[in-house]
């Protein structure tokens, strides 16, 4: 064990510096993960909007067909 107070201080500074660098790396990793997650979420929102429009158009087409069939049946 080192007896000098200065050496202990240097070890403590090195420890906290390593910890800070590790924390910065983790923050960068989480930012990348969140960026990808947000991108995927926006893609899903766009796909859902397109699907809603398609479903609405299909419902309108089916409604039109039903109305046409009802007129023919009369």
Protein backbone atom coordinates (compact mmCIF):
# COMPACT_ATOMS: atom_id res chain seq x y z
CA UNK A 1 0.00 0.00 0.00
CA UNK A 2 1.30 3.46 -0.78
CA UNK A 3 1.89 5.62 2.19
CA UNK A 4 2.21 8.97 0.52
CA UNK A 5 -0.89 11.14 0.64
CA UNK A 6 0.01 12.53 -2.79
CA UNK A 7 0.03 9.04 -4.35
CA UNK A 8 -3.35 8.26 -2.84
CA UNK A 9 -4.66 11.53 -4.22
CA UNK A 10 -3.32 10.64 -7.67
CA UNK A 11 -4.97 7.20 -7.51
CA UNK A 12 -8.27 8.79 -6.51
CA UNK A 13 -8.07 11.28 -9.37
CA UNK A 14 -7.29 8.47 -11.83
CA UNK A 15 -10.20 6.43 -10.47
CA UNK A 16 -12.67 9.29 -10.89
CA UNK A 17 -11.33 10.10 -14.33
CA UNK A 18 -11.85 6.45 -15.41
CA UNK A 19 -15.33 6.56 -13.95
CA UNK A 20 -16.17 9.79 -15.78
CA UNK A 21 -14.90 8.39 -19.09
CA UNK A 22 -16.95 5.25 -18.58
CA UNK A 23 -20.04 7.34 -17.81
CA UNK A 24 -19.51 9.44 -20.95
CA UNK A 25 -19.24 6.28 -23.03
CA UNK A 26 -22.45 4.94 -21.53
CA UNK A 27 -24.26 8.22 -22.23
CA UNK A 28 -23.13 8.11 -25.86
CA UNK A 29 -24.32 4.51 -26.15
CA UNK A 30 -27.74 5.38 -24.70
CA UNK A 31 -28.04 8.37 -27.03
CA UNK A 32 -27.39 6.12 -30.04
CA UNK A 33 -29.93 3.58 -28.77
CA UNK A 34 -32.55 6.30 -28.24
CA UNK A 35 -31.85 7.78 -31.67
CA UNK A 36 -32.44 4.42 -33.33
CA UNK A 37 -35.52 3.86 -31.16
CA UNK A 38 -36.96 7.26 -32.12
CA UNK A 39 -36.26 6.59 -35.79
CA UNK A 40 -38.04 3.23 -35.59
CA UNK A 41 -40.97 4.83 -33.75
CA UNK A 42 -41.36 7.49 -36.46
CA UNK A 43 -41.27 4.77 -39.13
CA UNK A 44 -44.01 2.85 -37.32
CA UNK A 45 -46.12 6.01 -36.99
CA UNK A 46 -45.80 6.66 -40.74
CA UNK A 47 -46.69 3.05 -41.57
CA UNK A 48 -49.71 3.17 -39.24
CA UNK A 49 -50.94 6.35 -40.91
CA UNK A 50 -50.63 4.75 -44.36
CA UNK A 51 -52.45 1.64 -43.14
CA UNK A 52 -55.26 3.74 -41.66
CA UNK A 53 -55.75 5.47 -45.02
CA UNK A 54 -55.72 2.13 -46.83
CA UNK A 55 -58.29 0.66 -44.43
CA UNK A 56 -60.51 3.71 -44.84
CA UNK A 57 -60.32 3.40 -48.63
CA UNK A 58 -61.15 -0.31 -48.45
CA UNK A 59 -64.12 0.39 -46.16
CA UNK A 60 -65.37 3.04 -48.59
CA UNK A 61 -64.99 0.64 -51.54
CA UNK A 62 -66.86 -2.11 -49.67
CA UNK A 63 -69.59 0.33 -48.72
CA UNK A 64 -69.92 1.35 -52.37
CA UNK A 65 -70.14 -2.29 -53.43
CA UNK A 66 -72.78 -3.02 -50.81
CA UNK A 67 -74.83 -0.04 -51.97
CA UNK A 68 -74.56 -1.25 -55.57
CA UNK A 69 -75.64 -4.76 -54.60
CA UNK A 70 -78.63 -3.42 -52.66
CA UNK A 71 -79.77 -1.40 -55.69
CA UNK A 72 -79.50 -4.47 -57.95
CA UNK A 73 -81.45 -6.61 -55.47
CA UNK A 74 -84.43 -4.23 -55.55
